[in-house]
Amino acid sequence: MDHARWLELRAAFEAAVEVPVHRRAAYAASLELAPDVREELIGMLEADARNQDGRRGADAGSRLHRLLRAIAEATGPALASD
């Protein structure tokens, strides 16, 4: 990943973590990002959700993980063809 894409990813992640956890999947799906940046963002948000899940002892992180994965699978080919 080049520096410009890394900066794009960093900005997207910083904005996404300000969104409540239960809304992050919708937020991430709404962003117009390059496919590789989008995949990295989803991975970072999944890791953040797992961290929060561990701290709270709830299963919200695993639900978010499944939802983010479903979004990635559903929108991945469409974004790759753009």
N, C-alpha and C. Protein backbone atom coordinates (compact mmCIF):
# COMPACT_ATOMS: atom_id res chain seq x y z
N MET A 1 0.86 -1.17 0.00
CA MET A 1 0.00 0.00 0.00
C MET A 1 0.91 1.23 0.00
N ASP A 2 0.62 2.14 -0.92
CA ASP A 2 1.44 3.34 -1.00
C ASP A 2 1.03 4.34 0.09
N HIS A 3 1.83 5.39 0.20
CA HIS A 3 1.63 6.37 1.27
C HIS A 3 0.27 7.07 1.16
N ALA A 4 -0.15 7.41 -0.04
CA ALA A 4 -1.44 8.10 -0.21
C ALA A 4 -2.60 7.21 0.25
N ARG A 5 -2.54 5.93 -0.09
CA ARG A 5 -3.60 5.01 0.34
C ARG A 5 -3.55 4.80 1.85
N TRP A 6 -2.34 4.77 2.41
CA TRP A 6 -2.22 4.63 3.86
C TRP A 6 -2.85 5.83 4.56
N LEU A 7 -2.61 7.03 4.04
CA LEU A 7 -3.22 8.23 4.63
C LEU A 7 -4.74 8.18 4.52
N GLU A 8 -5.24 7.69 3.38
CA GLU A 8 -6.68 7.54 3.19
C GLU A 8 -7.25 6.55 4.22
N LEU A 9 -6.54 5.45 4.42
CA LEU A 9 -6.96 4.45 5.39
C LEU A 9 -6.96 5.03 6.80
N ARG A 10 -5.91 5.71 7.14
CA ARG A 10 -5.80 6.30 8.48
C ARG A 10 -6.94 7.28 8.74
N ALA A 11 -7.22 8.15 7.77
CA ALA A 11 -8.31 9.12 7.94
C ALA A 11 -9.66 8.41 8.07
N ALA A 12 -9.87 7.38 7.26
CA ALA A 12 -11.13 6.63 7.32
C ALA A 12 -11.29 5.94 8.67
N PHE A 13 -10.21 5.34 9.18
CA PHE A 13 -10.27 4.66 10.46
C PHE A 13 -10.53 5.65 11.59
N GLU A 14 -9.81 6.77 11.58
CA GLU A 14 -10.00 7.76 12.63
C GLU A 14 -11.44 8.28 12.65
N ALA A 15 -12.03 8.45 11.48
CA ALA A 15 -13.43 8.88 11.42
C ALA A 15 -14.37 7.76 11.88
N ALA A 16 -14.06 6.53 11.48
CA ALA A 16 -14.94 5.39 11.81
C ALA A 16 -14.98 5.10 13.30
N VAL A 17 -13.87 5.26 13.99
CA VAL A 17 -13.87 4.95 15.43
C VAL A 17 -14.66 5.98 16.23
N GLU A 18 -14.97 7.12 15.62
CA GLU A 18 -15.82 8.11 16.28
C GLU A 18 -17.30 7.73 16.19
N VAL A 19 -17.61 6.82 15.28
CA VAL A 19 -18.99 6.35 15.07
C VAL A 19 -19.27 5.26 16.12
N PRO A 20 -20.46 5.25 16.71
CA PRO A 20 -20.77 4.17 17.66
C PRO A 20 -20.54 2.79 17.02
N VAL A 21 -20.07 1.86 17.81
CA VAL A 21 -19.69 0.54 17.30
C VAL A 21 -20.81 -0.09 16.48
N HIS A 22 -22.04 0.02 16.94
CA HIS A 22 -23.15 -0.63 16.24
C HIS A 22 -23.48 0.03 14.91
N ARG A 23 -22.88 1.18 14.61
CA ARG A 23 -23.13 1.86 13.33
C ARG A 23 -21.92 1.83 12.40
N ARG A 24 -20.82 1.28 12.86
CA ARG A 24 -19.59 1.30 12.06
C ARG A 24 -19.70 0.53 10.75
N ALA A 25 -20.40 -0.58 10.76
CA ALA A 25 -20.52 -1.37 9.53
C ALA A 25 -21.20 -0.56 8.44
N ALA A 26 -22.27 0.11 8.79
CA ALA A 26 -22.98 0.94 7.81
C ALA A 26 -22.10 2.10 7.37
N TYR A 27 -21.38 2.67 8.30
CA TYR A 27 -20.48 3.78 7.96
C TYR A 27 -19.40 3.31 7.00
N ALA A 28 -18.76 2.20 7.32
CA ALA A 28 -17.69 1.68 6.46
C ALA A 28 -18.21 1.35 5.07
N ALA A 29 -19.41 0.81 4.99
CA ALA A 29 -19.99 0.47 3.70
C ALA A 29 -20.32 1.71 2.88
N SER A 30 -20.57 2.82 3.55
CA SER A 30 -20.96 4.04 2.84
C SER A 30 -19.76 4.79 2.26
N LEU A 31 -18.57 4.45 2.69
CA LEU A 31 -17.38 5.16 2.21
C LEU A 31 -16.98 4.71 0.81
N GLU A 32 -16.58 5.66 0.00
CA GLU A 32 -16.07 5.33 -1.33
C GLU A 32 -14.55 5.25 -1.23
N LEU A 33 -14.07 4.03 -1.07
CA LEU A 33 -12.64 3.79 -0.91
C LEU A 33 -12.18 2.79 -1.96
N ALA A 34 -10.90 2.82 -2.24
CA ALA A 34 -10.33 1.79 -3.11
C ALA A 34 -10.52 0.44 -2.42
N PRO A 35 -10.71 -0.63 -3.20
CA PRO A 35 -10.97 -1.94 -2.60
C PRO A 35 -9.93 -2.37 -1.56
N ASP A 36 -8.64 -2.13 -1.82
CA ASP A 36 -7.63 -2.54 -0.85
C ASP A 36 -7.71 -1.71 0.43
N VAL A 37 -8.02 -0.44 0.30
CA VAL A 37 -8.16 0.43 1.47
C VAL A 37 -9.39 0.01 2.27
N ARG A 38 -10.47 -0.30 1.57
CA ARG A 38 -11.71 -0.72 2.23
C ARG A 38 -11.49 -2.02 3.02
N GLU A 39 -10.79 -2.97 2.41
CA GLU A 39 -10.51 -4.24 3.10
C GLU A 39 -9.66 -4.01 4.35
N GLU A 40 -8.65 -3.16 4.24
CA GLU A 40 -7.82 -2.85 5.40
C GLU A 40 -8.64 -2.17 6.49
N LEU A 41 -9.51 -1.24 6.09
CA LEU A 41 -10.36 -0.55 7.06
C LEU A 41 -11.25 -1.54 7.79
N ILE A 42 -11.86 -2.44 7.05
CA ILE A 42 -12.73 -3.45 7.67
C ILE A 42 -11.92 -4.30 8.65
N GLY A 43 -10.73 -4.69 8.27
CA GLY A 43 -9.88 -5.46 9.17
C GLY A 43 -9.53 -4.70 10.44
N MET A 44 -9.23 -3.42 10.29
CA MET A 44 -8.90 -2.60 11.45
C MET A 44 -10.11 -2.42 12.36
N LEU A 45 -11.28 -2.22 11.76
CA LEU A 45 -12.49 -2.06 12.56
C LEU A 45 -12.86 -3.36 13.26
N GLU A 46 -12.63 -4.49 12.59
CA GLU A 46 -12.87 -5.79 13.23
C GLU A 46 -11.96 -5.96 14.44
N ALA A 47 -10.69 -5.61 14.29
CA ALA A 47 -9.75 -5.73 15.40
C ALA A 47 -10.16 -4.81 16.55
N ASP A 48 -10.57 -3.59 16.22
CA ASP A 48 -11.02 -2.66 17.25
C ASP A 48 -12.27 -3.20 17.96
N ALA A 49 -13.18 -3.79 17.19
CA ALA A 49 -14.39 -4.36 17.79
C ALA A 49 -14.04 -5.52 18.72
N ARG A 50 -13.07 -6.35 18.32
CA ARG A 50 -12.65 -7.46 19.19
C ARG A 50 -12.04 -6.91 20.48
N ASN A 51 -11.26 -5.83 20.38
CA ASN A 51 -10.69 -5.21 21.58
C ASN A 51 -11.80 -4.72 22.49
N GLN A 52 -12.77 -4.03 21.92
CA GLN A 52 -13.88 -3.52 22.73
C GLN A 52 -14.69 -4.67 23.29
N ASP A 53 -14.86 -5.72 22.50
CA ASP A 53 -15.61 -6.90 22.95
C ASP A 53 -14.93 -7.50 24.18
N GLY A 54 -13.62 -7.60 24.13
CA GLY A 54 -12.88 -8.15 25.25
C GLY A 54 -12.98 -7.29 26.49
N ARG A 55 -12.95 -5.99 26.29
CA ARG A 55 -13.03 -5.08 27.44
C ARG A 55 -14.41 -5.09 28.08
N ARG A 56 -15.43 -5.25 27.28
CA ARG A 56 -16.80 -5.19 27.81
C ARG A 56 -17.34 -6.56 28.17
N GLY A 57 -16.75 -7.60 27.61
CA GLY A 57 -17.26 -8.93 27.88
C GLY A 57 -18.57 -9.20 27.16
N ALA A 58 -18.90 -8.40 26.17
CA ALA A 58 -20.14 -8.59 25.40
C ALA A 58 -19.81 -9.25 24.08
N ASP A 59 -20.84 -9.63 23.35
CA ASP A 59 -20.55 -10.25 22.07
C ASP A 59 -20.85 -9.31 20.91
N ALA A 60 -20.91 -8.02 21.17
CA ALA A 60 -21.14 -7.03 20.12
C ALA A 60 -20.02 -7.05 19.08
N GLY A 61 -18.80 -7.26 19.53
CA GLY A 61 -17.67 -7.29 18.60
C GLY A 61 -17.78 -8.42 17.60
N SER A 62 -18.21 -9.60 18.06
CA SER A 62 -18.34 -10.72 17.13
C SER A 62 -19.50 -10.50 16.17
N ARG A 63 -20.56 -9.87 16.64
CA ARG A 63 -21.67 -9.54 15.73
C ARG A 63 -21.21 -8.53 14.69
N LEU A 64 -20.45 -7.52 15.12
CA LEU A 64 -19.93 -6.53 14.18
C LEU A 64 -18.98 -7.19 13.19
N HIS A 65 -18.15 -8.09 13.69
CA HIS A 65 -17.22 -8.81 12.82
C HIS A 65 -17.98 -9.55 11.72
N ARG A 66 -19.02 -10.26 12.07
CA ARG A 66 -19.81 -10.99 11.07
C ARG A 66 -20.48 -10.03 10.09
N LEU A 67 -20.98 -8.92 10.59
CA LEU A 67 -21.64 -7.95 9.73
C LEU A 67 -20.65 -7.30 8.77
N LEU A 68 -19.48 -6.92 9.26
CA LEU A 68 -18.46 -6.32 8.39
C LEU A 68 -18.01 -7.32 7.32
N ARG A 69 -17.84 -8.58 7.71
CA ARG A 69 -17.46 -9.61 6.74
C ARG A 69 -18.53 -9.75 5.67
N ALA A 70 -19.81 -9.76 6.07
CA ALA A 70 -20.90 -9.88 5.11
C ALA A 70 -20.92 -8.70 4.15
N ILE A 71 -20.66 -7.51 4.67
CA ILE A 71 -20.60 -6.32 3.79
C ILE A 71 -19.44 -6.46 2.82
N ALA A 72 -18.30 -6.90 3.30
CA ALA A 72 -17.14 -7.05 2.43
C ALA A 72 -17.41 -8.07 1.33
N GLU A 73 -18.05 -9.17 1.68
CA GLU A 73 -18.36 -10.19 0.68
C GLU A 73 -19.41 -9.71 -0.31
N ALA A 74 -20.38 -8.96 0.18
CA ALA A 74 -21.47 -8.50 -0.69
C ALA A 74 -21.04 -7.37 -1.62
N THR A 75 -20.17 -6.50 -1.16
CA THR A 75 -19.80 -5.34 -1.96
C THR A 75 -18.44 -5.45 -2.62
N GLY A 76 -17.64 -6.42 -2.21
CA GLY A 76 -16.29 -6.56 -2.75
C GLY A 76 -16.23 -6.63 -4.27
N PRO A 77 -16.93 -7.56 -4.91
CA PRO A 77 -16.86 -7.65 -6.37
C PRO A 77 -17.38 -6.39 -7.07
N ALA A 78 -18.40 -5.78 -6.51
CA ALA A 78 -18.95 -4.56 -7.13
C ALA A 78 -17.93 -3.44 -7.08
N LEU A 79 -17.23 -3.31 -5.98
CA LEU A 79 -16.23 -2.25 -5.88
C LEU A 79 -15.02 -2.55 -6.75
N ALA A 80 -14.66 -3.80 -6.87
CA ALA A 80 -13.51 -4.16 -7.68
C ALA A 80 -13.74 -3.85 -9.15
N SER A 81 -14.99 -3.88 -9.59
CA SER A 81 -15.27 -3.63 -11.00
C SER A 81 -15.41 -2.15 -11.32
N ASP A 82 -15.46 -1.29 -10.29
CA ASP A 82 -15.60 0.16 -10.52
C ASP A 82 -14.34 0.75 -11.09
